Protein backbone atom coordinates (compact mmCIF):
# COMPACT_ATOMS: atom_id res chain seq x y z
CA MET A 1 46.44 8.62 46.96
CA ILE A 2 48.32 7.84 43.94
CA ARG A 3 51.24 6.44 45.99
CA LYS A 4 48.29 4.14 47.84
CA LEU A 5 46.63 2.99 44.93
CA LEU A 6 50.14 2.04 43.27
CA ILE A 7 50.80 0.11 46.38
CA GLY A 8 47.39 -1.49 46.00
CA VAL A 9 47.93 -2.64 42.61
CA ILE A 10 51.32 -4.02 43.10
CA GLY A 11 50.25 -5.96 46.03
CA VAL A 12 47.33 -7.63 44.06
CA SER A 13 49.36 -8.36 41.16
CA VAL A 14 52.18 -10.03 43.18
CA LEU A 15 49.59 -11.89 45.15
CA GLY A 16 48.27 -13.04 42.30
CA LEU A 17 51.25 -14.48 41.03
CA ALA A 18 52.30 -15.74 44.40
CA ALA A 19 49.21 -17.86 44.52
CA CYS A 20 50.87 -19.52 41.37
CA LYS A 21 53.74 -20.47 43.37
CA GLY A 22 55.79 -19.10 40.73
CA THR A 23 56.03 -18.52 37.30
CA MET A 24 56.98 -21.29 34.64
CA PRO A 25 60.75 -21.41 33.17
CA THR A 26 61.40 -19.53 30.03
CA MET A 27 64.02 -20.71 27.36
CA GLY A 28 66.01 -17.60 26.37
CA GLY A 29 63.92 -14.62 25.77
CA SER A 30 61.01 -16.72 24.18
CA LYS A 31 57.71 -18.25 25.19
CA GLY A 32 57.97 -21.94 26.25
CA ASN A 33 57.71 -24.45 28.88
CA THR A 34 60.03 -26.87 30.14
CA VAL A 35 60.85 -30.25 28.08
CA THR A 36 57.52 -32.44 28.41
CA GLY A 37 55.70 -35.49 26.58
CA ALA A 38 57.06 -38.33 24.72
CA ALA A 39 58.73 -39.54 21.75
CA ALA A 40 58.22 -42.76 19.88
CA GLY A 41 59.89 -42.82 16.71
CA GLU A 42 59.16 -40.01 14.73
CA SER A 43 56.03 -39.29 16.80
CA THR A 44 55.35 -37.23 19.57
CA GLU A 45 53.09 -36.92 22.25
CA GLY A 46 52.55 -33.55 24.36
CA LYS A 47 55.77 -32.00 23.37
CA ASN A 48 56.41 -28.26 24.18
CA GLU A 49 55.26 -26.59 20.94
CA GLY A 50 58.37 -24.02 21.61
CA LEU A 51 60.89 -26.92 20.46
CA GLU A 52 62.38 -26.71 17.35
CA SER A 53 61.71 -29.84 14.89
CA CYS A 54 62.94 -30.81 11.84
CA PRO A 55 61.43 -32.28 8.78
CA ALA A 56 63.80 -35.17 8.46
CA PRO A 57 67.07 -36.40 11.01
CA LEU A 58 70.46 -34.87 9.88
CA GLY A 59 72.01 -38.27 11.27
CA THR A 60 72.64 -40.71 14.15
CA LEU A 61 73.18 -39.16 17.71
CA ALA A 62 74.64 -40.56 20.87
CA VAL A 63 74.83 -38.24 24.00
CA PHE A 64 77.83 -38.30 26.15
CA GLU A 65 77.46 -36.45 29.74
CA ASP A 66 81.46 -35.95 30.79
CA ARG A 67 81.64 -36.32 34.22
CA THR A 68 85.42 -35.56 34.82
CA LEU A 69 84.52 -32.03 33.94
CA PRO A 70 84.06 -29.31 37.00
CA TRP A 71 80.56 -28.39 36.19
CA TRP A 72 79.16 -32.20 36.98
CA ASN A 73 81.43 -32.04 40.10
CA VAL A 74 79.13 -28.49 41.01
CA TYR A 75 75.80 -29.80 39.72
CA SER A 76 75.71 -33.03 41.65
CA SER A 77 76.57 -31.91 44.55
CA ARG A 78 74.44 -28.76 44.56
CA TYR A 79 71.16 -30.97 43.19
CA PRO A 80 72.10 -34.66 43.79
CA GLN A 81 68.09 -35.31 43.76
CA LEU A 82 68.09 -34.61 39.61
CA GLY A 83 70.73 -37.24 38.09
CA SER A 84 71.79 -37.30 34.97
CA THR A 85 70.91 -34.49 32.22
CA ILE A 86 71.17 -37.34 29.42
CA PRO A 87 67.09 -38.67 29.79
CA VAL A 88 65.61 -35.22 29.46
CA ILE A 89 68.22 -34.41 26.87
CA ARG A 90 67.31 -37.52 24.78
CA THR A 91 63.87 -36.91 24.91
CA MET A 92 64.14 -33.46 23.51
CA ILE A 93 66.32 -34.61 20.85
CA GLN A 94 63.95 -37.55 19.35
CA GLN A 95 61.14 -35.31 19.84
CA SER A 96 62.53 -32.98 17.65
CA ASN A 97 63.27 -35.49 14.66
CA CYS A 98 66.58 -33.64 13.93
CA PHE A 99 68.60 -36.94 14.84
CA VAL A 100 68.00 -40.38 15.71
CA VAL A 101 69.39 -41.28 19.16
CA VAL A 102 71.42 -44.22 19.62
CA GLU A 103 72.73 -45.67 22.94
CA ARG A 104 75.96 -45.63 24.25
CA GLY A 105 75.25 -45.26 27.88
CA ARG A 106 74.85 -48.15 30.82
CA ALA A 107 71.80 -49.73 29.14
CA MET A 108 74.53 -51.08 26.64
CA GLN A 109 75.58 -53.38 29.34
CA GLY A 110 71.90 -54.69 29.01
CA MET A 111 72.15 -55.15 24.97
CA ASN A 112 75.68 -56.77 25.82
CA THR A 113 74.18 -58.97 28.13
CA GLU A 114 71.30 -60.31 25.22
CA ARG A 115 74.34 -60.84 22.88
CA GLU A 116 76.49 -63.08 25.52
CA LEU A 117 73.23 -65.06 25.97
CA GLN A 118 72.96 -65.29 22.01
CA LYS A 119 76.10 -66.82 22.74
CA SER A 120 75.87 -69.17 24.82
CA GLY A 121 73.06 -70.67 22.92
CA GLU A 122 70.36 -69.94 25.67
CA MET A 123 68.00 -68.04 23.48
CA ARG A 124 65.22 -69.39 21.39
CA GLU A 125 65.64 -70.67 17.88
CA GLY A 126 65.14 -67.43 15.64
CA SER A 127 66.67 -64.89 18.30
CA ASN A 128 69.15 -62.91 16.30
CA PHE A 129 71.65 -60.42 18.20
CA GLY A 130 74.43 -61.90 15.73
CA LYS A 131 77.01 -59.08 14.89
CA GLY A 132 76.40 -56.44 12.06
CA GLN A 133 73.23 -55.10 13.30
CA MET A 134 74.16 -51.91 15.64
CA VAL A 135 74.28 -48.42 14.21
CA ALA A 136 76.93 -46.28 13.97
CA ALA A 137 76.96 -42.94 15.83
CA ASP A 138 77.42 -40.22 13.38
CA TYR A 139 77.62 -37.57 16.10
CA THR A 140 78.32 -37.24 19.69
CA MET A 141 76.37 -34.39 21.64
CA ASN A 142 78.30 -33.28 24.95
CA PRO A 143 75.82 -31.19 27.14
CA SER A 144 77.46 -28.96 30.18
CA ILE A 145 75.80 -26.48 33.03
CA HIS A 146 77.37 -23.33 33.34
CA PHE A 147 75.67 -21.86 36.36
CA SER A 148 71.92 -22.50 38.03
CA GLU A 149 71.46 -20.46 40.76
CA LYS A 150 68.30 -20.23 42.85
CA GLY A 151 67.32 -16.67 44.42
CA THR A 152 69.39 -14.43 41.90
CA GLY A 153 67.40 -11.51 42.44
CA GLY A 154 64.43 -9.93 43.99
CA LEU A 155 62.55 -6.63 43.79
CA GLY A 156 62.11 -5.98 47.41
CA GLY A 157 64.57 -2.91 47.45
CA LEU A 158 63.16 -1.31 43.72
CA VAL A 159 59.74 -1.89 45.16
CA GLY A 160 60.67 -0.39 48.43
CA GLY A 161 62.31 2.29 47.38
CA MET A 162 59.24 3.52 44.74
CA PHE A 163 56.15 3.03 47.03
CA GLY A 164 57.29 2.19 50.52
CA GLY A 165 57.68 -0.24 52.83
CA ILE A 166 55.02 -2.52 52.48
CA ALA A 167 55.05 -2.75 48.50
CA GLY A 168 58.62 -3.80 48.86
CA GLY A 169 58.33 -6.25 51.94
CA VAL A 170 55.30 -7.67 49.19
CA ALA A 171 58.04 -7.71 46.20
CA GLY A 172 60.56 -9.03 48.53
CA GLY A 173 59.36 -12.50 48.04
CA LEU A 174 59.91 -12.25 44.29
CA LYS A 175 63.37 -14.58 43.52
CA SER A 176 64.51 -15.49 40.14
CA ASN A 177 65.99 -18.70 39.16
CA GLU A 178 68.64 -18.74 36.51
CA ALA A 179 70.60 -21.62 34.64
CA SER A 180 73.01 -21.30 31.60
CA THR A 181 73.82 -24.50 29.40
CA THR A 182 75.83 -25.64 26.53
CA LEU A 183 75.21 -28.09 23.60
CA LEU A 184 78.44 -29.44 21.56
CA LEU A 185 78.02 -31.44 18.32
CA VAL A 186 81.08 -33.43 17.49
CA ASP A 187 81.34 -35.32 14.01
CA ASN A 188 82.50 -38.92 15.43
CA ARG A 189 84.14 -40.01 12.15
CA SER A 190 86.55 -36.81 12.13
CA GLY A 191 86.77 -35.28 15.47
CA VAL A 192 85.46 -31.99 14.18
CA GLN A 193 83.16 -29.92 16.16
CA ILE A 194 80.52 -29.03 14.09
CA SER A 195 77.87 -26.83 16.35
CA ALA A 196 78.14 -25.03 19.73
CA ALA A 197 75.15 -23.27 21.17
CA GLN A 198 74.80 -21.68 24.46
CA GLY A 199 71.16 -21.17 25.97
CA ASN A 200 69.57 -19.89 29.45
CA ALA A 201 66.35 -20.05 30.96
CA LYS A 202 64.88 -18.00 34.11
CA ASN A 203 61.55 -18.19 36.41
CA TYR A 204 60.40 -16.36 39.26
CA ASP A 205 59.32 -18.21 42.50
CA PHE A 206 57.59 -16.50 45.63
CA ASN A 207 58.09 -16.84 48.92
CA LEU A 208 55.36 -14.07 50.16
CA LEU A 209 55.31 -14.50 53.74
CA GLY A 210 59.04 -14.33 54.11
CA GLY A 211 58.95 -11.19 51.76
CA LEU A 212 56.07 -9.72 54.51
CA PHE A 213 57.64 -10.55 57.91
CA ALA A 214 61.39 -11.17 57.33
CA GLY A 215 62.78 -11.04 60.45
CA ALA A 216 59.65 -12.30 62.16
CA ALA A 217 58.74 -15.46 64.21
CA VAL A 218 56.62 -16.99 61.44
CA GLY A 219 58.53 -20.01 60.94
CA ALA A 220 59.68 -20.93 57.28
CA GLY A 221 56.40 -19.53 55.98
CA GLY A 222 55.65 -19.01 51.91
CA PHE A 223 56.06 -21.04 49.09
CA THR A 224 58.87 -23.40 48.05
CA ASP A 225 61.08 -22.57 45.16
CA THR A 226 60.01 -23.97 41.74
CA PRO A 227 62.13 -27.35 41.13
CA GLU A 228 65.97 -26.65 39.61
CA GLY A 229 65.28 -29.37 37.52
CA LYS A 230 62.79 -27.65 35.51
CA ILE A 231 65.14 -24.72 35.03
CA ILE A 232 67.87 -26.84 33.76
CA ALA A 233 65.59 -28.43 30.90
CA ALA A 234 64.30 -25.34 29.69
CA SER A 235 67.95 -23.94 29.27
CA PHE A 236 68.98 -27.28 27.69
CA ALA A 237 65.91 -26.84 25.34
CA ASP A 238 66.88 -22.95 24.93
CA SER A 239 70.41 -24.40 23.73
CA TYR A 240 68.83 -26.49 21.07
CA ASN A 241 66.58 -24.53 19.75
CA LYS A 242 69.47 -22.10 18.62
CA MET A 243 71.64 -25.24 17.41
CA VAL A 244 69.02 -26.67 15.27
CA SER A 245 68.18 -22.69 14.09
CA ALA A 246 72.21 -22.49 13.22
CA LEU A 247 72.19 -26.05 11.64
CA ARG A 248 69.48 -25.43 9.05
CA SER A 249 71.86 -23.01 7.13
CA TYR A 250 74.97 -25.12 8.16
CA LYS A 251 77.91 -25.00 6.06
CA ALA A 252 80.99 -27.03 6.64
CA GLN A 253 84.12 -25.21 7.34
CA THR A 254 86.97 -25.48 4.71
CA VAL A 255 90.78 -25.06 5.08
CA LYS A 256 92.81 -24.48 2.40
CA GLY A 257 94.81 -27.96 1.63
CA GLY A 258 92.65 -30.11 3.44
CA LEU A 259 91.75 -30.10 7.29
CA GLY A 260 94.72 -31.58 9.71
CA LYS A 261 97.27 -31.02 7.18
CA GLY A 262 98.99 -27.92 9.09
CA GLY A 263 96.61 -25.35 8.72
CA GLN A 264 97.51 -21.85 7.66
CA LEU A 265 99.24 -20.61 10.47
CA LYS A 266 102.61 -21.56 9.60
CA VAL A 267 105.91 -21.06 12.01
CA GLY A 268 109.46 -20.46 11.27
CA ASP A 269 111.99 -23.15 10.83
């Protein structure tokens, strides 16, 4: 009797979750949604309340996505529909008010076009795109993705072993999606790495009919996976939250004699 009751409880619970198609991505071990909303200057609209923020910016920052590294080849080939990671990261940074974001990507072409038009004399009188107006980037942030996997785990085997085949079949459609990301922060004047942070995110998807009728001729069936982009965005938000927390107590590393002056690990003649 108890066994049947437990099976019923598990079945109802999984069915209830499955009706939502999947759980929302969670940043690390904390509660949180993915990156959302908008930013304008230091004002925000509809941002994730789980995102860390600063009372005042720490400096200006550019985001550089190194597409020569192996992670980009894997990411772009596996998820070509997602595109660059830069827009969501820049949105997150501006919403936090921890840095003022400056453009150093392809939009620089448009900025340079305006300057060329100024030089050509085609602009109206009073248009001012002269020299000495662009803001320097104090820091550069470099993102990378370590892994982003769909369906990395299921509960079918565990539940099936405990409560029987039907409950195991129901839970067999419950799959986890995970991502791990890193953000590096570099001082542009010295080239010194200021901060590094690794984050992760995880959620669960439900392919209920597939779990119940695996191997049967039911067609594709079930519910679709949660978009990978939400997991990656949540993982970057987790990385960023950890970085901001570390920067609050930032102390510059010092080397006796000065940075780049030979260091303390001396070698023989």
